[in-house]
């Protein structure tokens, strides 16, 4: 049975969601942001339902934390909030949310979305291990305007098949760049394709890159 973690400081909301969903899903819930983070790490739920307005840590902080940790960044997060979607949906998606449900919740829509996410999670199998590691790189390629660019950056997450890094270049979807190890006389590692952009068009823009072919002398083998 797919496992869902509900994070909401309102006990009545948690009870209502549990009542509506526990015939199809194993439910874990918490009203404490600190406890919820521990539960996410411990139980690796198939999806997380997250409220935005909570004491202590805000839902935005929890969302950003879960989306950046290597052990939880693959878990889809749905916002369930009384805040109007028109104002907050896009911002939350830029932080890593995969959907936004405004209270009162469309339960049929929520069930369908959770089922699709759970099925997709099982079909993908275990997530590829990733590590929080700083590696200095140089990226070279063609930007969205068709102009050559090169830039120095550093990774915040690395895996065998790719990495995530800060990137201030404007890139087209599926853009391919050359990747060099900046600290080894700019040694060519290989080519990598852009697969995801977080916080696009902001100073904090972060790009997920996946190697097109097996890289040469990468930090992970």
C-alpha atoms as a PDB file:
ATOM      1  CA  UNK A   1       0.000   0.000   0.000  1.00  0.00           C
ATOM      2  CA  UNK A   2       1.477   3.419  -0.948  1.00  0.00           C
ATOM      3  CA  UNK A   3       2.592   5.516   2.018  1.00  0.00           C
ATOM      4  CA  UNK A   4       1.597   9.182   2.404  1.00  0.00           C
ATOM      5  CA  UNK A   5       3.029  11.679   4.898  1.00  0.00           C
ATOM      6  CA  UNK A   6       0.667  14.511   5.927  1.00  0.00           C
ATOM      7  CA  UNK A   7       2.310  17.611   7.447  1.00  0.00           C
ATOM      8  CA  UNK A   8      -0.242  20.038   8.916  1.00  0.00           C
ATOM      9  CA  UNK A   9      -0.425  21.659  12.356  1.00  0.00           C
ATOM     10  CA  UNK A  10      -4.247  21.466  12.314  1.00  0.00           C
ATOM     11  CA  UNK A  11      -5.174  18.120  13.871  1.00  0.00           C
ATOM     12  CA  UNK A  12      -8.705  18.262  12.441  1.00  0.00           C
ATOM     13  CA  UNK A  13      -7.348  18.635   8.913  1.00  0.00           C
ATOM     14  CA  UNK A  14      -5.015  15.674   9.443  1.00  0.00           C
ATOM     15  CA  UNK A  15      -7.901  13.557  10.748  1.00  0.00           C
ATOM     16  CA  UNK A  16     -10.110  14.534   7.801  1.00  0.00           C
ATOM     17  CA  UNK A  17      -7.423  13.676   5.257  1.00  0.00           C
ATOM     18  CA  UNK A  18      -6.680  10.389   7.009  1.00  0.00           C
ATOM     19  CA  UNK A  19     -10.397   9.487   7.000  1.00  0.00           C
ATOM     20  CA  UNK A  20     -10.647  10.218   3.280  1.00  0.00           C
ATOM     21  CA  UNK A  21      -7.437   8.460   2.224  1.00  0.00           C
ATOM     22  CA  UNK A  22      -6.635   5.575   4.568  1.00  0.00           C
ATOM     23  CA  UNK A  23      -8.622   3.032   2.545  1.00  0.00           C
ATOM     24  CA  UNK A  24      -6.091   3.389  -0.303  1.00  0.00           C
ATOM     25  CA  UNK A  25      -2.958   4.650   1.407  1.00  0.00           C
ATOM     26  CA  UNK A  26      -0.907   4.035   4.522  1.00  0.00           C
ATOM     27  CA  UNK A  27      -1.028   7.368   6.348  1.00  0.00           C
ATOM     28  CA  UNK A  28       1.670   8.931   8.523  1.00  0.00           C
ATOM     29  CA  UNK A  29       0.984  12.399   9.877  1.00  0.00           C
ATOM     30  CA  UNK A  30       2.515  15.071  12.050  1.00  0.00           C
ATOM     31  CA  UNK A  31       1.733  18.612  13.179  1.00  0.00           C
ATOM     32  CA  UNK A  32       5.375  19.280  14.016  1.00  0.00           C
ATOM     33  CA  UNK A  33       7.662  20.389  11.155  1.00  0.00           C
ATOM     34  CA  UNK A  34      10.730  19.031  12.972  1.00  0.00           C
ATOM     35  CA  UNK A  35       9.114  15.626  13.540  1.00  0.00           C
ATOM     36  CA  UNK A  36       7.792  15.581   9.961  1.00  0.00           C
ATOM     37  CA  UNK A  37      11.302  15.979   8.542  1.00  0.00           C
ATOM     38  CA  UNK A  38      12.462  13.019  10.631  1.00  0.00           C
ATOM     39  CA  UNK A  39       9.470  10.942   9.488  1.00  0.00           C
ATOM     40  CA  UNK A  40      10.212  11.735   5.847  1.00  0.00           C
ATOM     41  CA  UNK A  41      13.790  10.547   6.255  1.00  0.00           C
ATOM     42  CA  UNK A  42      12.764   7.450   8.221  1.00  0.00           C
ATOM     43  CA  UNK A  43       9.792   6.202   6.203  1.00  0.00           C
ATOM     44  CA  UNK A  44      10.532   7.454   2.647  1.00  0.00           C
ATOM     45  CA  UNK A  45       6.830   8.059   1.793  1.00  0.00           C
ATOM     46  CA  UNK A  46       5.576   7.794  -1.788  1.00  0.00           C
ATOM     47  CA  UNK A  47       4.205  11.355  -1.526  1.00  0.00           C
ATOM     48  CA  UNK A  48       3.914  14.200   0.980  1.00  0.00           C
ATOM     49  CA  UNK A  49       0.928  16.484   1.634  1.00  0.00           C
ATOM     50  CA  UNK A  50       2.191  19.777   3.059  1.00  0.00           C
ATOM     51  CA  UNK A  51       0.415  22.768   4.594  1.00  0.00           C
ATOM     52  CA  UNK A  52       2.021  26.190   4.193  1.00  0.00           C
ATOM     53  CA  UNK A  53       0.988  27.999   7.395  1.00  0.00           C
ATOM     54  CA  UNK A  54       2.595  26.403  10.438  1.00  0.00           C
ATOM     55  CA  UNK A  55       4.366  27.678  13.548  1.00  0.00           C
ATOM     56  CA  UNK A  56       8.138  27.467  13.774  1.00  0.00           C
ATOM     57  CA  UNK A  57       9.148  26.484  10.272  1.00  0.00           C
ATOM     58  CA  UNK A  58       6.960  27.647   7.419  1.00  0.00           C
ATOM     59  CA  UNK A  59       5.726  25.223   4.807  1.00  0.00           C
ATOM     60  CA  UNK A  60       7.981  27.007   2.303  1.00  0.00           C
ATOM     61  CA  UNK A  61      11.050  26.208   4.410  1.00  0.00           C
ATOM     62  CA  UNK A  62      10.018  22.554   4.745  1.00  0.00           C
ATOM     63  CA  UNK A  63       9.330  22.329   1.018  1.00  0.00           C
ATOM     64  CA  UNK A  64      12.724  23.782   0.144  1.00  0.00           C
ATOM     65  CA  UNK A  65      14.491  21.501   2.640  1.00  0.00           C
ATOM     66  CA  UNK A  66      12.792  18.312   1.421  1.00  0.00           C
ATOM     67  CA  UNK A  67      13.419  19.268  -2.210  1.00  0.00           C
ATOM     68  CA  UNK A  68      17.135  19.803  -1.601  1.00  0.00           C
ATOM     69  CA  UNK A  69      18.035  16.830   0.621  1.00  0.00           C
ATOM     70  CA  UNK A  70      19.420  13.930  -1.416  1.00  0.00           C
ATOM     71  CA  UNK A  71      17.381  11.380   0.576  1.00  0.00           C
ATOM     72  CA  UNK A  72      14.034  13.118   0.059  1.00  0.00           C
ATOM     73  CA  UNK A  73      14.319  15.190  -3.125  1.00  0.00           C
ATOM     74  CA  UNK A  74      12.730  12.403  -5.216  1.00  0.00           C
ATOM     75  CA  UNK A  75       9.558  12.330  -3.067  1.00  0.00           C
ATOM     76  CA  UNK A  76       6.721  14.270  -4.773  1.00  0.00           C
ATOM     77  CA  UNK A  77       5.254  17.004  -2.560  1.00  0.00           C
ATOM     78  CA  UNK A  78       1.704  18.332  -2.908  1.00  0.00           C
ATOM     79  CA  UNK A  79       0.714  21.569  -1.197  1.00  0.00           C
ATOM     80  CA  UNK A  80      -2.632  21.403   0.636  1.00  0.00           C
ATOM     81  CA  UNK A  81      -3.332  24.912   1.870  1.00  0.00           C
ATOM     82  CA  UNK A  82      -5.982  27.500   2.545  1.00  0.00           C
ATOM     83  CA  UNK A  83      -3.792  30.083   0.808  1.00  0.00           C
ATOM     84  CA  UNK A  84      -5.129  30.990  -2.672  1.00  0.00           C
ATOM     85  CA  UNK A  85      -3.516  28.976  -5.465  1.00  0.00           C
ATOM     86  CA  UNK A  86      -3.558  31.997  -7.775  1.00  0.00           C
ATOM     87  CA  UNK A  87      -0.961  33.702  -5.579  1.00  0.00           C
ATOM     88  CA  UNK A  88       1.186  30.829  -4.309  1.00  0.00           C
ATOM     89  CA  UNK A  89       0.996  27.878  -6.744  1.00  0.00           C
ATOM     90  CA  UNK A  90       3.733  29.001  -9.135  1.00  0.00           C
ATOM     91  CA  UNK A  91       6.061  30.023  -6.302  1.00  0.00           C
ATOM     92  CA  UNK A  92       5.643  26.636  -4.594  1.00  0.00           C
ATOM     93  CA  UNK A  93       6.262  24.783  -7.852  1.00  0.00           C
ATOM     94  CA  UNK A  94       9.478  26.757  -8.300  1.00  0.00           C
ATOM     95  CA  UNK A  95      10.530  25.519  -4.853  1.00  0.00           C
ATOM     96  CA  UNK A  96       9.869  21.912  -5.872  1.00  0.00           C
ATOM     97  CA  UNK A  97       6.159  21.183  -5.278  1.00  0.00           C
ATOM     98  CA  UNK A  98       4.492  18.865  -7.794  1.00  0.00           C
ATOM     99  CA  UNK A  99       0.963  20.169  -7.274  1.00  0.00           C
ATOM    100  CA  UNK A 100      -1.245  22.561  -5.313  1.00  0.00           C
ATOM    101  CA  UNK A 101      -4.645  21.818  -3.739  1.00  0.00           C
ATOM    102  CA  UNK A 102      -6.512  24.706  -2.140  1.00  0.00           C
ATOM    103  CA  UNK A 103      -8.757  24.012   0.862  1.00  0.00           C
ATOM    104  CA  UNK A 104     -11.505  22.853   0.785  1.00  0.00           C
ATOM    105  CA  UNK A 105      -9.750  20.072  -1.090  1.00  0.00           C
ATOM    106  CA  UNK A 106     -11.059  18.360  -4.205  1.00  0.00           C
ATOM    107  CA  UNK A 107     -10.668  14.852  -2.772  1.00  0.00           C
ATOM    108  CA  UNK A 108     -11.307  13.036  -6.056  1.00  0.00           C
ATOM    109  CA  UNK A 109      -8.599  15.076  -7.731  1.00  0.00           C
ATOM    110  CA  UNK A 110      -6.238  14.535  -4.800  1.00  0.00           C
ATOM    111  CA  UNK A 111      -6.815  10.759  -4.823  1.00  0.00           C
ATOM    112  CA  UNK A 112      -6.147  10.542  -8.557  1.00  0.00           C
ATOM    113  CA  UNK A 113      -2.978  12.606  -8.284  1.00  0.00           C
ATOM    114  CA  UNK A 114      -1.663  10.557  -5.347  1.00  0.00           C
ATOM    115  CA  UNK A 115      -2.389   7.268  -7.145  1.00  0.00           C
ATOM    116  CA  UNK A 116      -0.488   8.410 -10.236  1.00  0.00           C
ATOM    117  CA  UNK A 117       2.456   9.544  -8.136  1.00  0.00           C
ATOM    118  CA  UNK A 118       2.559   6.309  -6.151  1.00  0.00           C
ATOM    119  CA  UNK A 119       2.411   4.189  -9.315  1.00  0.00           C
ATOM    120  CA  UNK A 120       5.117   6.295 -10.926  1.00  0.00           C
ATOM    121  CA  UNK A 121       7.324   5.978  -7.853  1.00  0.00           C
ATOM    122  CA  UNK A 122       7.059   2.196  -7.846  1.00  0.00           C
ATOM    123  CA  UNK A 123       7.671   1.996 -11.589  1.00  0.00           C
ATOM    124  CA  UNK A 124      10.898   3.998 -11.281  1.00  0.00           C
ATOM    125  CA  UNK A 125      12.282   1.738  -8.592  1.00  0.00           C
ATOM    126  CA  UNK A 126      14.896   2.910  -6.062  1.00  0.00           C
ATOM    127  CA  UNK A 127      16.236   6.408  -6.618  1.00  0.00           C
ATOM    128  CA  UNK A 128      19.860   6.695  -7.694  1.00  0.00           C
ATOM    129  CA  UNK A 129      22.056   7.518  -4.693  1.00  0.00           C
ATOM    130  CA  UNK A 130      23.176  11.136  -4.596  1.00  0.00           C
ATOM    131  CA  UNK A 131      25.672  12.936  -2.401  1.00  0.00           C
ATOM    132  CA  UNK A 132      26.024  16.475  -1.102  1.00  0.00           C
ATOM    133  CA  UNK A 133      29.407  17.329  -2.577  1.00  0.00           C
ATOM    134  CA  UNK A 134      31.034  20.530  -3.781  1.00  0.00           C
ATOM    135  CA  UNK A 135      32.959  20.080  -7.051  1.00  0.00           C
ATOM    136  CA  UNK A 136      34.252  23.015  -9.088  1.00  0.00           C
ATOM    137  CA  UNK A 137      33.186  22.762 -12.741  1.00  0.00           C
ATOM    138  CA  UNK A 138      33.333  24.763 -15.930  1.00  0.00           C
ATOM    139  CA  UNK A 139      30.331  24.526 -18.260  1.00  0.00           C
ATOM    140  CA  UNK A 140      30.478  25.450 -21.955  1.00  0.00           C
ATOM    141  CA  UNK A 141      27.626  25.522 -24.429  1.00  0.00           C
ATOM    142  CA  UNK A 142      25.049  27.575 -26.303  1.00  0.00           C
ATOM    143  CA  UNK A 143      22.494  29.594 -24.348  1.00  0.00           C
ATOM    144  CA  UNK A 144      18.811  30.118 -25.143  1.00  0.00           C
ATOM    145  CA  UNK A 145      19.673  33.153 -27.297  1.00  0.00           C
ATOM    146  CA  UNK A 146      21.986  31.056 -29.470  1.00  0.00           C
ATOM    147  CA  UNK A 147      25.170  32.615 -28.070  1.00  0.00           C
ATOM    148  CA  UNK A 148      28.211  30.631 -26.830  1.00  0.00           C
ATOM    149  CA  UNK A 149      28.806  30.810 -23.092  1.00  0.00           C
ATOM    150  CA  UNK A 150      31.155  29.404 -20.503  1.00  0.00           C
ATOM    151  CA  UNK A 151      30.936  29.706 -16.755  1.00  0.00           C
ATOM    152  CA  UNK A 152      32.517  28.468 -13.561  1.00  0.00           C
ATOM    153  CA  UNK A 153      30.197  26.916 -11.006  1.00  0.00           C
ATOM    154  CA  UNK A 154      30.129  24.318  -8.242  1.00  0.00           C
ATOM    155  CA  UNK A 155      27.901  21.334  -7.615  1.00  0.00           C
ATOM    156  CA  UNK A 156      25.731  20.955  -4.546  1.00  0.00           C
ATOM    157  CA  UNK A 157      24.665  17.385  -5.386  1.00  0.00           C
ATOM    158  CA  UNK A 158      26.470  14.719  -7.415  1.00  0.00           C
ATOM    159  CA  UNK A 159      25.485  11.249  -8.601  1.00  0.00           C
ATOM    160  CA  UNK A 160      27.019   8.728 -10.987  1.00  0.00           C
ATOM    161  CA  UNK A 161      24.780   9.872 -13.840  1.00  0.00           C
ATOM    162  CA  UNK A 162      24.939  13.628 -13.286  1.00  0.00           C
ATOM    163  CA  UNK A 163      24.878  16.556 -10.889  1.00  0.00           C
ATOM    164  CA  UNK A 164      23.040  19.691  -9.746  1.00  0.00           C
ATOM    165  CA  UNK A 165      24.671  23.090  -9.680  1.00  0.00           C
ATOM    166  CA  UNK A 166      24.069  26.823  -9.618  1.00  0.00           C
ATOM    167  CA  UNK A 167      23.722  28.125 -13.167  1.00  0.00           C
ATOM    168  CA  UNK A 168      23.072  31.723 -14.190  1.00  0.00           C
ATOM    169  CA  UNK A 169      22.926  30.977 -17.930  1.00  0.00           C
ATOM    170  CA  UNK A 170      19.551  30.932 -19.693  1.00  0.00           C
ATOM    171  CA  UNK A 171      19.297  27.472 -21.279  1.00  0.00           C
ATOM    172  CA  UNK A 172      16.718  25.851 -23.515  1.00  0.00           C
ATOM    173  CA  UNK A 173      14.968  22.676 -22.402  1.00  0.00           C
ATOM    174  CA  UNK A 174      17.209  19.633 -23.070  1.00  0.00           C
ATOM    175  CA  UNK A 175      20.241  21.864 -23.749  1.00  0.00           C
ATOM    176  CA  UNK A 176      23.559  19.977 -23.817  1.00  0.00           C
ATOM    177  CA  UNK A 177      26.735  21.459 -22.314  1.00  0.00           C
ATOM    178  CA  UNK A 178      30.367  20.392 -22.060  1.00  0.00           C
ATOM    179  CA  UNK A 179      31.489  19.684 -18.490  1.00  0.00           C
ATOM    180  CA  UNK A 180      35.060  20.256 -17.311  1.00  0.00           C
ATOM    181  CA  UNK A 181      36.705  19.665 -13.944  1.00  0.00           C
ATOM    182  CA  UNK A 182      37.906  23.180 -13.165  1.00  0.00           C
ATOM    183  CA  UNK A 183      40.557  22.100 -10.639  1.00  0.00           C
ATOM    184  CA  UNK A 184      42.272  19.640 -13.011  1.00  0.00           C
ATOM    185  CA  UNK A 185      43.464  22.044 -15.710  1.00  0.00           C
ATOM    186  CA  UNK A 186      39.866  22.130 -16.960  1.00  0.00           C
ATOM    187  CA  UNK A 187      39.806  18.444 -17.902  1.00  0.00           C
ATOM    188  CA  UNK A 188      36.815  17.440 -20.057  1.00  0.00           C
ATOM    189  CA  UNK A 189      34.523  15.056 -18.201  1.00  0.00           C
ATOM    190  CA  UNK A 190      31.859  14.721 -20.890  1.00  0.00           C
ATOM    191  CA  UNK A 191      28.611  16.255 -22.080  1.00  0.00           C
ATOM    192  CA  UNK A 192      25.513  16.667 -19.926  1.00  0.00           C
ATOM    193  CA  UNK A 193      21.883  17.438 -20.739  1.00  0.00           C
ATOM    194  CA  UNK A 194      19.651  19.830 -18.795  1.00  0.00           C
ATOM    195  CA  UNK A 195      16.790  17.826 -17.243  1.00  0.00           C
ATOM    196  CA  UNK A 196      15.307  20.238 -14.688  1.00  0.00           C
ATOM    197  CA  UNK A 197      15.572  23.870 -13.574  1.00  0.00           C
ATOM    198  CA  UNK A 198      14.692  25.087 -10.083  1.00  0.00           C
ATOM    199  CA  UNK A 199      13.950  28.765  -9.366  1.00  0.00           C
ATOM    200  CA  UNK A 200      14.288  29.724 -13.067  1.00  0.00           C
ATOM    201  CA  UNK A 201      15.271  33.265 -13.993  1.00  0.00           C
ATOM    202  CA  UNK A 202      16.305  34.121 -10.442  1.00  0.00           C
ATOM    203  CA  UNK A 203      19.771  34.656  -8.897  1.00  0.00           C
ATOM    204  CA  UNK A 204      19.353  31.252  -7.211  1.00  0.00           C
ATOM    205  CA  UNK A 205      18.656  29.323 -10.434  1.00  0.00           C
ATOM    206  CA  UNK A 206      19.723  25.689 -10.021  1.00  0.00           C
ATOM    207  CA  UNK A 207      20.097  23.175 -12.848  1.00  0.00           C
ATOM    208  CA  UNK A 208      19.889  19.377 -12.772  1.00  0.00           C
ATOM    209  CA  UNK A 209      22.211  17.886 -15.387  1.00  0.00           C
ATOM    210  CA  UNK A 210      22.493  14.279 -16.626  1.00  0.00           C
ATOM    211  CA  UNK A 211      25.452  12.970 -18.583  1.00  0.00           C
ATOM    212  CA  UNK A 212      24.675  12.029 -22.187  1.00  0.00           C
ATOM    213  CA  UNK A 213      27.301   9.256 -22.123  1.00  0.00           C
ATOM    214  CA  UNK A 214      29.393   7.677 -19.396  1.00  0.00           C
ATOM    215  CA  UNK A 215      31.679  10.474 -18.127  1.00  0.00           C
ATOM    216  CA  UNK A 216      35.480  10.268 -18.008  1.00  0.00           C
ATOM    217  CA  UNK A 217      37.162  10.440 -14.571  1.00  0.00           C
ATOM    218  CA  UNK A 218      33.993  11.684 -12.842  1.00  0.00           C
ATOM    219  CA  UNK A 219      34.072  12.079  -9.043  1.00  0.00           C
ATOM    220  CA  UNK A 220      31.778   9.031  -8.740  1.00  0.00           C
ATOM    221  CA  UNK A 221      32.211   5.782 -10.665  1.00  0.00           C
END
